[in-house]
Amino acid sequence: MYRFLIVIEKANGNYSAYSPDLPGCVATGDSRDQVARNMHEAIEMHVRGLLQDNLPVPVPHSSAEYVAVPSEAL
């Protein structure tokens, strides 16, 4: 099983997503749920293509974390 972080961003009128560990693998969608589904499909297709071409599948190194800054500190 492969597991990749995806980043979802709100754009002008839609959503976009990418995976820092899979350069060039991107997706868009009208909603957050749709872009997540589209990105899942894009990653499956991307990894399948790498395997079919006998290319290495990148080892995921990315992680995500939220940083909370108290509003009274600003």
Protein backbone atom coordinates (compact mmCIF):
# COMPACT_ATOMS: atom_id res chain seq x y z
CA MET A 1 0.00 0.00 0.00
CA TYR A 2 1.18 3.47 -0.86
CA ARG A 3 0.16 6.47 1.23
CA PHE A 4 0.67 10.06 0.06
CA LEU A 5 -0.14 13.39 1.66
CA ILE A 6 -2.35 15.64 -0.44
CA VAL A 7 -2.80 19.38 -0.05
CA ILE A 8 -6.22 20.80 -0.91
CA GLU A 9 -6.56 24.51 -1.61
CA LYS A 10 -9.61 26.67 -2.24
CA ALA A 11 -9.21 28.45 -5.55
CA ASN A 12 -11.42 30.91 -7.41
CA GLY A 13 -14.68 28.99 -7.72
CA ASN A 14 -13.23 25.50 -7.26
CA TYR A 15 -10.67 23.45 -5.35
CA SER A 16 -7.27 22.18 -6.39
CA ALA A 17 -5.04 19.49 -4.89
CA TYR A 18 -1.49 18.23 -5.22
CA SER A 19 0.86 15.82 -3.51
CA PRO A 20 4.28 17.20 -2.50
CA ASP A 21 5.77 13.73 -2.96
CA LEU A 22 4.42 13.28 -6.51
CA PRO A 23 5.46 16.31 -8.56
CA GLY A 24 3.07 17.01 -11.41
CA CYS A 25 0.25 14.91 -9.94
CA VAL A 26 -2.62 17.37 -9.51
CA ALA A 27 -6.41 17.48 -9.58
CA THR A 28 -9.27 19.96 -9.43
CA GLY A 29 -12.91 19.76 -8.44
CA ASP A 30 -16.02 21.80 -7.71
CA SER A 31 -16.03 20.76 -4.03
CA ARG A 32 -13.56 19.59 -1.42
CA ASP A 33 -15.00 16.06 -1.62
CA GLN A 34 -14.81 16.00 -5.40
CA VAL A 35 -11.20 17.19 -5.53
CA ALA A 36 -10.23 14.58 -2.92
CA ARG A 37 -11.83 11.84 -5.04
CA ASN A 38 -10.22 13.20 -8.20
CA MET A 39 -6.83 13.35 -6.49
CA HIS A 40 -7.20 9.76 -5.28
CA GLU A 41 -7.80 8.69 -8.89
CA ALA A 42 -4.90 10.83 -10.13
CA ILE A 43 -2.51 9.26 -7.61
CA GLU A 44 -3.66 5.74 -8.53
CA MET A 45 -3.09 6.49 -12.21
CA HIS A 46 0.27 8.14 -11.52
CA VAL A 47 1.58 5.22 -9.41
CA ARG A 48 0.22 2.65 -11.88
CA GLY A 49 2.06 4.43 -14.69
CA LEU A 50 5.31 4.49 -12.76
CA LEU A 51 5.04 0.76 -12.04
CA GLN A 52 4.17 -0.06 -15.67
CA ASP A 53 7.20 1.92 -16.82
CA ASN A 54 9.42 0.14 -14.26
CA LEU A 55 10.15 3.46 -12.55
CA PRO A 56 10.51 3.80 -8.78
CA VAL A 57 7.52 4.98 -6.79
CA PRO A 58 8.70 7.88 -4.59
CA VAL A 59 8.95 7.20 -0.89
CA PRO A 60 6.65 9.68 0.84
CA HIS A 61 8.50 12.16 3.05
CA SER A 62 5.88 14.89 3.49
CA SER A 63 3.80 15.44 6.58
CA ALA A 64 1.40 18.13 7.71
CA GLU A 65 0.71 19.87 10.95
CA TYR A 66 -1.37 22.83 12.02
CA VAL A 67 0.18 25.63 14.04
CA ALA A 68 -2.15 27.53 16.37
CA VAL A 69 -1.34 31.15 17.19
CA PRO A 70 -3.53 32.76 19.86
CA SER A 71 -5.30 35.79 18.39
CA GLU A 72 -4.45 37.88 21.48
CA ALA A 73 -0.75 37.35 20.68
CA LEU A 74 -1.13 39.24 17.41
